[in-house]
C-alpha cells in the first residue's frame, strides 16, 4: 500500500512506508542522525529518490516518522510543550 508524506511542500506517495518505519523503530535507541540515515536508505530501497531531492525526502520522512512515533507513544504532535490548551501538553 502506498502512503503519502509531504516532501518539499508536495504530497508524495511512498511505497513500503510502514516497513521503512519499522526498520527505524527496531533501532529507536540510536541517535537521530543515524535514524535519519537508516530511514533514507530504506526509502531508497523501495522508492526512486532523485539526488537533488534527497534532503527534502529525508526531512519529510523524518517529520512523518516523528509523528508516527508520537502517535504510537500516545502523544499529539500537533501541540507544543508550551501549549496552554490544558490537555497536559
PDB file of N, CA and C in Angstrom:
ATOM      1  N   UNK A   1       0.837  -1.183   0.000  1.00  0.00           N
ATOM      2  CA  UNK A   1       0.000   0.000   0.000  1.00  0.00           C
ATOM      3  C   UNK A   1       0.882   1.247   0.000  1.00  0.00           C
ATOM      4  N   UNK A   2       0.528   2.207  -0.825  1.00  0.00           N
ATOM      5  CA  UNK A   2       1.281   3.449  -0.909  1.00  0.00           C
ATOM      6  C   UNK A   2       0.655   4.487   0.015  1.00  0.00           C
ATOM      7  N   UNK A   3       1.487   5.038   0.884  1.00  0.00           N
ATOM      8  CA  UNK A   3       1.046   6.116   1.777  1.00  0.00           C
ATOM      9  C   UNK A   3       1.742   7.392   1.335  1.00  0.00           C
ATOM     10  N   UNK A   4       1.226   8.523   1.781  1.00  0.00           N
ATOM     11  CA  UNK A   4       1.769   9.805   1.344  1.00  0.00           C
ATOM     12  C   UNK A   4       2.393  10.577   2.497  1.00  0.00           C
ATOM     13  N   UNK A   5       3.482  11.280   2.159  1.00  0.00           N
ATOM     14  CA  UNK A   5       4.122  12.197   3.096  1.00  0.00           C
ATOM     15  C   UNK A   5       4.367  13.509   2.356  1.00  0.00           C
ATOM     16  N   UNK A   6       4.644  14.556   3.095  1.00  0.00           N
ATOM     17  CA  UNK A   6       4.966  15.846   2.494  1.00  0.00           C
ATOM     18  C   UNK A   6       6.469  15.902   2.210  1.00  0.00           C
ATOM     19  N   UNK A   7       6.800  16.213   0.969  1.00  0.00           N
ATOM     20  CA  UNK A   7       8.201  16.316   0.537  1.00  0.00           C
ATOM     21  C   UNK A   7       8.345  17.617  -0.243  1.00  0.00           C
ATOM     22  N   UNK A   8       9.116  18.537   0.293  1.00  0.00           N
ATOM     23  CA  UNK A   8       9.333  19.795  -0.401  1.00  0.00           C
ATOM     24  C   UNK A   8       8.047  20.552  -0.693  1.00  0.00           C
ATOM     25  N   UNK A   9       7.086  20.473   0.223  1.00  0.00           N
ATOM     26  CA  UNK A   9       5.832  21.184   0.061  1.00  0.00           C
ATOM     27  C   UNK A   9       4.799  20.472  -0.798  1.00  0.00           C
ATOM     28  N   UNK A  10       5.114  19.252  -1.243  1.00  0.00           N
ATOM     29  CA  UNK A  10       4.175  18.466  -2.053  1.00  0.00           C
ATOM     30  C   UNK A  10       3.905  17.140  -1.381  1.00  0.00           C
ATOM     31  N   UNK A  11       2.715  16.617  -1.626  1.00  0.00           N
ATOM     32  CA  UNK A  11       2.372  15.297  -1.123  1.00  0.00           C
ATOM     33  C   UNK A  11       2.920  14.254  -2.106  1.00  0.00           C
ATOM     34  N   UNK A  12       3.689  13.283  -1.574  1.00  0.00           N
ATOM     35  CA  UNK A  12       4.345  12.286  -2.411  1.00  0.00           C
ATOM     36  C   UNK A  12       3.990  10.894  -1.890  1.00  0.00           C
ATOM     37  N   UNK A  13       3.637  10.000  -2.801  1.00  0.00           N
ATOM     38  CA  UNK A  13       3.350   8.617  -2.436  1.00  0.00           C
ATOM     39  C   UNK A  13       4.634   7.850  -2.166  1.00  0.00           C
ATOM     40  N   UNK A  14       4.643   7.099  -1.078  1.00  0.00           N
ATOM     41  CA  UNK A  14       5.808   6.317  -0.674  1.00  0.00           C
ATOM     42  C   UNK A  14       5.406   4.851  -0.565  1.00  0.00           C
ATOM     43  N   UNK A  15       6.055   4.003  -1.324  1.00  0.00           N
ATOM     44  CA  UNK A  15       5.808   2.559  -1.232  1.00  0.00           C
ATOM     45  C   UNK A  15       6.554   1.990  -0.033  1.00  0.00           C
ATOM     46  N   UNK A  16       5.879   1.134   0.718  1.00  0.00           N
ATOM     47  CA  UNK A  16       6.527   0.449   1.837  1.00  0.00           C
ATOM     48  C   UNK A  16       6.816   1.320   3.040  1.00  0.00           C
ATOM     49  N   UNK A  17       6.056   2.399   3.226  1.00  0.00           N
ATOM     50  CA  UNK A  17       6.337   3.329   4.322  1.00  0.00           C
ATOM     51  C   UNK A  17       6.295   2.638   5.680  1.00  0.00           C
ATOM     52  N   UNK A  18       5.330   1.771   5.889  1.00  0.00           N
ATOM     53  CA  UNK A  18       5.237   1.081   7.188  1.00  0.00           C
ATOM     54  C   UNK A  18       6.492   0.250   7.470  1.00  0.00           C
ATOM     55  N   UNK A  19       6.987  -0.473   6.469  1.00  0.00           N
ATOM     56  CA  UNK A  19       8.186  -1.292   6.695  1.00  0.00           C
ATOM     57  C   UNK A  19       9.428  -0.417   6.870  1.00  0.00           C
ATOM     58  N   UNK A  20       9.447   0.734   6.207  1.00  0.00           N
ATOM     59  CA  UNK A  20      10.553   1.681   6.393  1.00  0.00           C
ATOM     60  C   UNK A  20      10.568   2.164   7.848  1.00  0.00           C
ATOM     61  N   UNK A  21       9.394   2.534   8.351  1.00  0.00           N
ATOM     62  CA  UNK A  21       9.304   2.981   9.737  1.00  0.00           C
ATOM     63  C   UNK A  21       9.678   1.860  10.704  1.00  0.00           C
ATOM     64  N   UNK A  22       9.219   0.648  10.439  1.00  0.00           N
ATOM     65  CA  UNK A  22       9.512  -0.479  11.340  1.00  0.00           C
ATOM     66  C   UNK A  22      11.017  -0.694  11.473  1.00  0.00           C
ATOM     67  N   UNK A  23      11.734  -0.574  10.380  1.00  0.00           N
ATOM     68  CA  UNK A  23      13.191  -0.742  10.419  1.00  0.00           C
ATOM     69  C   UNK A  23      13.813   0.282  11.373  1.00  0.00           C
ATOM     70  N   UNK A  24      13.326   1.515  11.310  1.00  0.00           N
ATOM     71  CA  UNK A  24      13.855   2.558  12.192  1.00  0.00           C
ATOM     72  C   UNK A  24      13.406   2.332  13.640  1.00  0.00           C
ATOM     73  N   UNK A  25      12.176   1.867  13.836  1.00  0.00           N
ATOM     74  CA  UNK A  25      11.700   1.599  15.198  1.00  0.00           C
ATOM     75  C   UNK A  25      12.504   0.479  15.858  1.00  0.00           C
ATOM     76  N   UNK A  26      13.028  -0.447  15.071  1.00  0.00           N
ATOM     77  CA  UNK A  26      13.874  -1.515  15.614  1.00  0.00           C
ATOM     78  C   UNK A  26      15.146  -0.950  16.226  1.00  0.00           C
ATOM     79  N   UNK A  27      15.560   0.232  15.773  1.00  0.00           N
ATOM     80  CA  UNK A  27      16.792   0.863  16.255  1.00  0.00           C
ATOM     81  C   UNK A  27      16.480   2.190  16.939  1.00  0.00           C
ATOM     82  N   UNK A  28      15.339   2.258  17.596  1.00  0.00           N
ATOM     83  CA  UNK A  28      14.838   3.503  18.163  1.00  0.00           C
ATOM     84  C   UNK A  28      15.783   4.156  19.161  1.00  0.00           C
ATOM     85  N   UNK A  29      16.669   3.392  19.768  1.00  0.00           N
ATOM     86  CA  UNK A  29      17.593   3.972  20.740  1.00  0.00           C
ATOM     87  C   UNK A  29      18.827   4.578  20.063  1.00  0.00           C
ATOM     88  N   UNK A  30      18.908   4.480  18.752  1.00  0.00           N
ATOM     89  CA  UNK A  30      20.032   5.060  18.001  1.00  0.00           C
ATOM     90  C   UNK A  30      19.893   6.580  17.962  1.00  0.00           C
ATOM     91  N   UNK A  31      21.005   7.281  17.768  1.00  0.00           N
ATOM     92  CA  UNK A  31      20.942   8.751  17.651  1.00  0.00           C
ATOM     93  C   UNK A  31      20.080   9.163  16.438  1.00  0.00           C
ATOM     94  N   UNK A  32      19.480  10.333  16.531  1.00  0.00           N
ATOM     95  CA  UNK A  32      18.604  10.815  15.465  1.00  0.00           C
ATOM     96  C   UNK A  32      19.285  10.823  14.098  1.00  0.00           C
ATOM     97  N   UNK A  33      20.523  11.256  14.044  1.00  0.00           N
ATOM     98  CA  UNK A  33      21.211  11.329  12.752  1.00  0.00           C
ATOM     99  C   UNK A  33      21.334   9.947  12.116  1.00  0.00           C
ATOM    100  N   UNK A  34      21.611   8.926  12.920  1.00  0.00           N
ATOM    101  CA  UNK A  34      21.689   7.564  12.392  1.00  0.00           C
ATOM    102  C   UNK A  34      20.316   7.088  11.932  1.00  0.00           C
ATOM    103  N   UNK A  35      19.276   7.396  12.702  1.00  0.00           N
ATOM    104  CA  UNK A  35      17.914   7.032  12.304  1.00  0.00           C
ATOM    105  C   UNK A  35      17.538   7.691  10.985  1.00  0.00           C
ATOM    106  N   UNK A  36      17.927   8.954  10.802  1.00  0.00           N
ATOM    107  CA  UNK A  36      17.643   9.650   9.548  1.00  0.00           C
ATOM    108  C   UNK A  36      18.336   8.952   8.377  1.00  0.00           C
ATOM    109  N   UNK A  37      19.573   8.515   8.580  1.00  0.00           N
ATOM    110  CA  UNK A  37      20.301   7.798   7.537  1.00  0.00           C
ATOM    111  C   UNK A  37      19.633   6.464   7.219  1.00  0.00           C
ATOM    112  N   UNK A  38      19.192   5.763   8.245  1.00  0.00           N
ATOM    113  CA  UNK A  38      18.505   4.478   8.065  1.00  0.00           C
ATOM    114  C   UNK A  38      17.209   4.685   7.296  1.00  0.00           C
ATOM    115  N   UNK A  39      16.435   5.687   7.694  1.00  0.00           N
ATOM    116  CA  UNK A  39      15.178   5.966   7.018  1.00  0.00           C
ATOM    117  C   UNK A  39      15.397   6.260   5.539  1.00  0.00           C
ATOM    118  N   UNK A  40      16.380   7.104   5.229  1.00  0.00           N
ATOM    119  CA  UNK A  40      16.637   7.452   3.832  1.00  0.00           C
ATOM    120  C   UNK A  40      17.114   6.237   3.041  1.00  0.00           C
ATOM    121  N   UNK A  41      17.991   5.438   3.627  1.00  0.00           N
ATOM    122  CA  UNK A  41      18.479   4.236   2.945  1.00  0.00           C
ATOM    123  C   UNK A  41      17.335   3.268   2.664  1.00  0.00           C
ATOM    124  N   UNK A  42      16.464   3.076   3.644  1.00  0.00           N
ATOM    125  CA  UNK A  42      15.306   2.189   3.454  1.00  0.00           C
ATOM    126  C   UNK A  42      14.346   2.755   2.415  1.00  0.00           C
ATOM    127  N   UNK A  43      14.153   4.058   2.453  1.00  0.00           N
ATOM    128  CA  UNK A  43      13.292   4.708   1.471  1.00  0.00           C
ATOM    129  C   UNK A  43      13.799   4.432   0.062  1.00  0.00           C
ATOM    130  N   UNK A  44      15.106   4.562  -0.126  1.00  0.00           N
ATOM    131  CA  UNK A  44      15.697   4.366  -1.447  1.00  0.00           C
ATOM    132  C   UNK A  44      15.662   2.903  -1.896  1.00  0.00           C
ATOM    133  N   UNK A  45      15.524   1.991  -0.951  1.00  0.00           N
ATOM    134  CA  UNK A  45      15.379   0.572  -1.309  1.00  0.00           C
ATOM    135  C   UNK A  45      14.033   0.308  -1.972  1.00  0.00           C
ATOM    136  N   UNK A  46      13.016   1.080  -1.612  1.00  0.00           N
ATOM    137  CA  UNK A  46      11.641   0.849  -2.061  1.00  0.00           C
ATOM    138  C   UNK A  46      11.134   1.878  -3.072  1.00  0.00           C
ATOM    139  N   UNK A  47      11.830   3.016  -3.179  1.00  0.00           N
ATOM    140  CA  UNK A  47      11.334   4.136  -3.972  1.00  0.00           C
ATOM    141  C   UNK A  47      12.483   4.837  -4.687  1.00  0.00           C
ATOM    142  N   UNK A  48      12.156   5.459  -5.818  1.00  0.00           N
ATOM    143  CA  UNK A  48      13.138   6.290  -6.513  1.00  0.00           C
ATOM    144  C   UNK A  48      13.196   7.645  -5.821  1.00  0.00           C
ATOM    145  N   UNK A  49      14.407   8.066  -5.479  1.00  0.00           N
ATOM    146  CA  UNK A  49      14.620   9.373  -4.858  1.00  0.00           C
ATOM    147  C   UNK A  49      15.653  10.116  -5.710  1.00  0.00           C
ATOM    148  N   UNK A  50      15.232  11.177  -6.411  1.00  0.00           N
ATOM    149  CA  UNK A  50      16.189  11.939  -7.214  1.00  0.00           C
ATOM    150  C   UNK A  50      17.264  12.563  -6.319  1.00  0.00           C
ATOM    151  N   UNK A  51      18.511  12.502  -6.753  1.00  0.00           N
ATOM    152  CA  UNK A  51      19.615  13.043  -5.955  1.00  0.00           C
ATOM    153  C   UNK A  51      19.377  14.476  -5.472  1.00  0.00           C
ATOM    154  N   UNK A  52      18.916  15.388  -6.334  1.00  0.00           N
ATOM    155  CA  UNK A  52      18.725  16.767  -5.858  1.00  0.00           C
ATOM    156  C   UNK A  52      17.622  16.905  -4.801  1.00  0.00           C
ATOM    157  N   UNK A  53      16.759  15.908  -4.680  1.00  0.00           N
ATOM    158  CA  UNK A  53      15.638  15.987  -3.736  1.00  0.00           C
ATOM    159  C   UNK A  53      15.873  15.180  -2.464  1.00  0.00           C
ATOM    160  N   UNK A  54      17.055  14.599  -2.299  1.00  0.00           N
ATOM    161  CA  UNK A  54      17.323  13.752  -1.134  1.00  0.00           C
ATOM    162  C   UNK A  54      17.058  14.471   0.186  1.00  0.00           C
ATOM    163  N   UNK A  55      17.508  15.705   0.292  1.00  0.00           N
ATOM    164  CA  UNK A  55      17.320  16.448   1.543  1.00  0.00           C
ATOM    165  C   UNK A  55      15.834  16.639   1.829  1.00  0.00           C
ATOM    166  N   UNK A  56      15.053  17.006   0.824  1.00  0.00           N
ATOM    167  CA  UNK A  56      13.613  17.189   1.016  1.00  0.00           C
ATOM    168  C   UNK A  56      12.945  15.880   1.424  1.00  0.00           C
ATOM    169  N   UNK A  57      13.331  14.782   0.783  1.00  0.00           N
ATOM    170  CA  UNK A  57      12.762  13.480   1.141  1.00  0.00           C
ATOM    171  C   UNK A  57      13.148  13.105   2.565  1.00  0.00           C
ATOM    172  N   UNK A  58      14.407  13.332   2.918  1.00  0.00           N
ATOM    173  CA  UNK A  58      14.877  12.998   4.266  1.00  0.00           C
ATOM    174  C   UNK A  58      14.110  13.796   5.313  1.00  0.00           C
ATOM    175  N   UNK A  59      13.927  15.085   5.075  1.00  0.00           N
ATOM    176  CA  UNK A  59      13.204  15.933   6.027  1.00  0.00           C
ATOM    177  C   UNK A  59      11.739  15.518   6.133  1.00  0.00           C
ATOM    178  N   UNK A  60      11.108  15.246   5.002  1.00  0.00           N
ATOM    179  CA  UNK A  60       9.709  14.830   5.019  1.00  0.00           C
ATOM    180  C   UNK A  60       9.519  13.494   5.702  1.00  0.00           C
ATOM    181  N   UNK A  61      10.446  12.579   5.431  1.00  0.00           N
ATOM    182  CA  UNK A  61      10.383  11.257   6.044  1.00  0.00           C
ATOM    183  C   UNK A  61      10.610  11.347   7.550  1.00  0.00           C
ATOM    184  N   UNK A  62      11.551  12.164   7.978  1.00  0.00           N
ATOM    185  CA  UNK A  62      11.814  12.339   9.407  1.00  0.00           C
ATOM    186  C   UNK A  62      10.599  12.927  10.122  1.00  0.00           C
ATOM    187  N   UNK A  63       9.959  13.908   9.492  1.00  0.00           N
ATOM    188  CA  UNK A  63       8.758  14.512  10.088  1.00  0.00           C
ATOM    189  C   UNK A  63       7.654  13.460  10.214  1.00  0.00           C
ATOM    190  N   UNK A  64       7.436  12.685   9.168  1.00  0.00           N
ATOM    191  CA  UNK A  64       6.398  11.652   9.200  1.00  0.00           C
ATOM    192  C   UNK A  64       6.735  10.573  10.236  1.00  0.00           C
ATOM    193  N   UNK A  65       8.008  10.195  10.326  1.00  0.00           N
ATOM    194  CA  UNK A  65       8.446   9.204  11.308  1.00  0.00           C
ATOM    195  C   UNK A  65       8.229   9.732  12.730  1.00  0.00           C
ATOM    196  N   UNK A  66       8.586  10.978  12.957  1.00  0.00           N
ATOM    197  CA  UNK A  66       8.423  11.578  14.286  1.00  0.00           C
ATOM    198  C   UNK A  66       6.952  11.633  14.684  1.00  0.00           C
ATOM    199  N   UNK A  67       6.089  11.965  13.732  1.00  0.00           N
ATOM    200  CA  UNK A  67       4.655  11.989  14.008  1.00  0.00           C
ATOM    201  C   UNK A  67       4.135  10.592  14.318  1.00  0.00           C
ATOM    202  N   UNK A  68       4.609   9.589  13.583  1.00  0.00           N
ATOM    203  CA  UNK A  68       4.194   8.202  13.850  1.00  0.00           C
ATOM    204  C   UNK A  68       4.700   7.751  15.213  1.00  0.00           C
ATOM    205  N   UNK A  69       5.922   8.135  15.550  1.00  0.00           N
ATOM    206  CA  UNK A  69       6.478   7.786  16.861  1.00  0.00           C
ATOM    207  C   UNK A  69       5.642   8.407  17.974  1.00  0.00           C
ATOM    208  N   UNK A  70       5.298   9.680  17.822  1.00  0.00           N
ATOM    209  CA  UNK A  70       4.455  10.351  18.814  1.00  0.00           C
ATOM    210  C   UNK A  70       3.097   9.670  18.909  1.00  0.00           C
ATOM    211  N   UNK A  71       2.516   9.317  17.766  1.00  0.00           N
ATOM    212  CA  UNK A  71       1.210   8.651  17.764  1.00  0.00           C
ATOM    213  C   UNK A  71       1.276   7.341  18.519  1.00  0.00           C
ATOM    214  N   UNK A  72       2.335   6.565  18.291  1.00  0.00           N
ATOM    215  CA  UNK A  72       2.487   5.279  18.976  1.00  0.00           C
ATOM    216  C   UNK A  72       2.693   5.449  20.469  1.00  0.00           C
ATOM    217  N   UNK A  73       3.287   6.556  20.857  1.00  0.00           N
ATOM    218  CA  UNK A  73       3.526   6.819  22.278  1.00  0.00           C
ATOM    219  C   UNK A  73       2.360   7.570  22.915  1.00  0.00           C
ATOM    220  N   UNK A  74       1.291   7.773  22.144  1.00  0.00           N
ATOM    221  CA  UNK A  74       0.109   8.429  22.672  1.00  0.00           C
ATOM    222  C   UNK A  74       0.221   9.923  22.805  1.00  0.00           C
ATOM    223  N   UNK A  75       1.150  10.525  22.070  1.00  0.00           N
ATOM    224  CA  UNK A  75       1.310  11.973  22.110  1.00  0.00           C
ATOM    225  C   UNK A  75       0.620  12.576  20.901  1.00  0.00           C
ATOM    226  N   UNK A  76       0.122  13.793  21.076  1.00  0.00           N
ATOM    227  CA  UNK A  76      -0.480  14.541  19.977  1.00  0.00           C
ATOM    228  C   UNK A  76       0.573  15.512  19.471  1.00  0.00           C
ATOM    229  N   UNK A  77       1.170  15.208  18.335  1.00  0.00           N
ATOM    230  CA  UNK A  77       2.271  16.027  17.832  1.00  0.00           C
ATOM    231  C   UNK A  77       1.822  17.389  17.325  1.00  0.00           C
ATOM    232  N   UNK A  78       0.522  17.639  17.279  1.00  0.00           N
ATOM    233  CA  UNK A  78       0.052  18.935  16.809  1.00  0.00           C
ATOM    234  C   UNK A  78       0.115  19.987  17.919  1.00  0.00           C
ATOM    235  N   UNK A  79       0.433  19.584  19.158  1.00  0.00           N
ATOM    236  CA  UNK A  79       0.527  20.517  20.268  1.00  0.00           C
ATOM    237  C   UNK A  79       1.979  20.637  20.719  1.00  0.00           C
ATOM    238  N   UNK A  80       2.339  21.796  21.139  1.00  0.00           N
ATOM    239  CA  UNK A  80       3.689  22.052  21.622  1.00  0.00           C
ATOM    240  C   UNK A  80       3.714  21.970  23.145  1.00  0.00           C
ATOM    241  N   UNK A  81       4.893  21.774  23.702  1.00  0.00           N
ATOM    242  CA  UNK A  81       5.042  21.629  25.146  1.00  0.00           C
ATOM    243  C   UNK A  81       4.585  22.886  25.886  1.00  0.00           C
ATOM    244  N   UNK A  82       4.675  24.038  25.242  1.00  0.00           N
ATOM    245  CA  UNK A  82       4.289  25.286  25.907  1.00  0.00           C
ATOM    246  C   UNK A  82       2.825  25.635  25.648  1.00  0.00           C
ATOM    247  N   UNK A  83       2.085  24.726  25.060  1.00  0.00           N
ATOM    248  CA  UNK A  83       0.675  24.940  24.717  1.00  0.00           C
ATOM    249  C   UNK A  83      -0.147  25.190  25.987  1.00  0.00           C
ATOM    250  N   UNK A  84      -1.136  26.057  25.877  1.00  0.00           N
ATOM    251  CA  UNK A  84      -1.992  26.359  27.029  1.00  0.00           C
ATOM    252  C   UNK A  84      -3.393  25.767  26.852  1.00  0.00           C
ATOM    253  N   UNK A  85      -3.507  24.644  26.157  1.00  0.00           N
ATOM    254  CA  UNK A  85      -4.816  24.064  25.886  1.00  0.00           C
ATOM    255  C   UNK A  85      -5.364  23.295  27.076  1.00  0.00           C
ATOM    256  N   UNK A  86      -4.582  23.128  28.109  1.00  0.00           N
ATOM    257  CA  UNK A  86      -4.989  22.436  29.342  1.00  0.00           C
ATOM    258  C   UNK A  86      -5.245  20.952  29.131  1.00  0.00           C
ATOM    259  N   UNK A  87      -4.606  20.369  28.095  1.00  0.00           N
ATOM    260  CA  UNK A  87      -4.721  18.935  27.857  1.00  0.00           C
ATOM    261  C   UNK A  87      -3.497  18.197  28.383  1.00  0.00           C
ATOM    262  N   UNK A  88      -2.646  18.909  29.071  1.00  0.00           N
ATOM    263  CA  UNK A  88      -1.465  18.262  29.602  1.00  0.00           C
ATOM    264  C   UNK A  88      -0.333  18.164  28.599  1.00  0.00           C
ATOM    265  N   UNK A  89      -0.375  19.013  27.601  1.00  0.00           N
ATOM    266  CA  UNK A  89       0.675  19.001  26.560  1.00  0.00           C
ATOM    267  C   UNK A  89       1.996  19.448  27.144  1.00  0.00           C
TER     268      UNK A  89
END
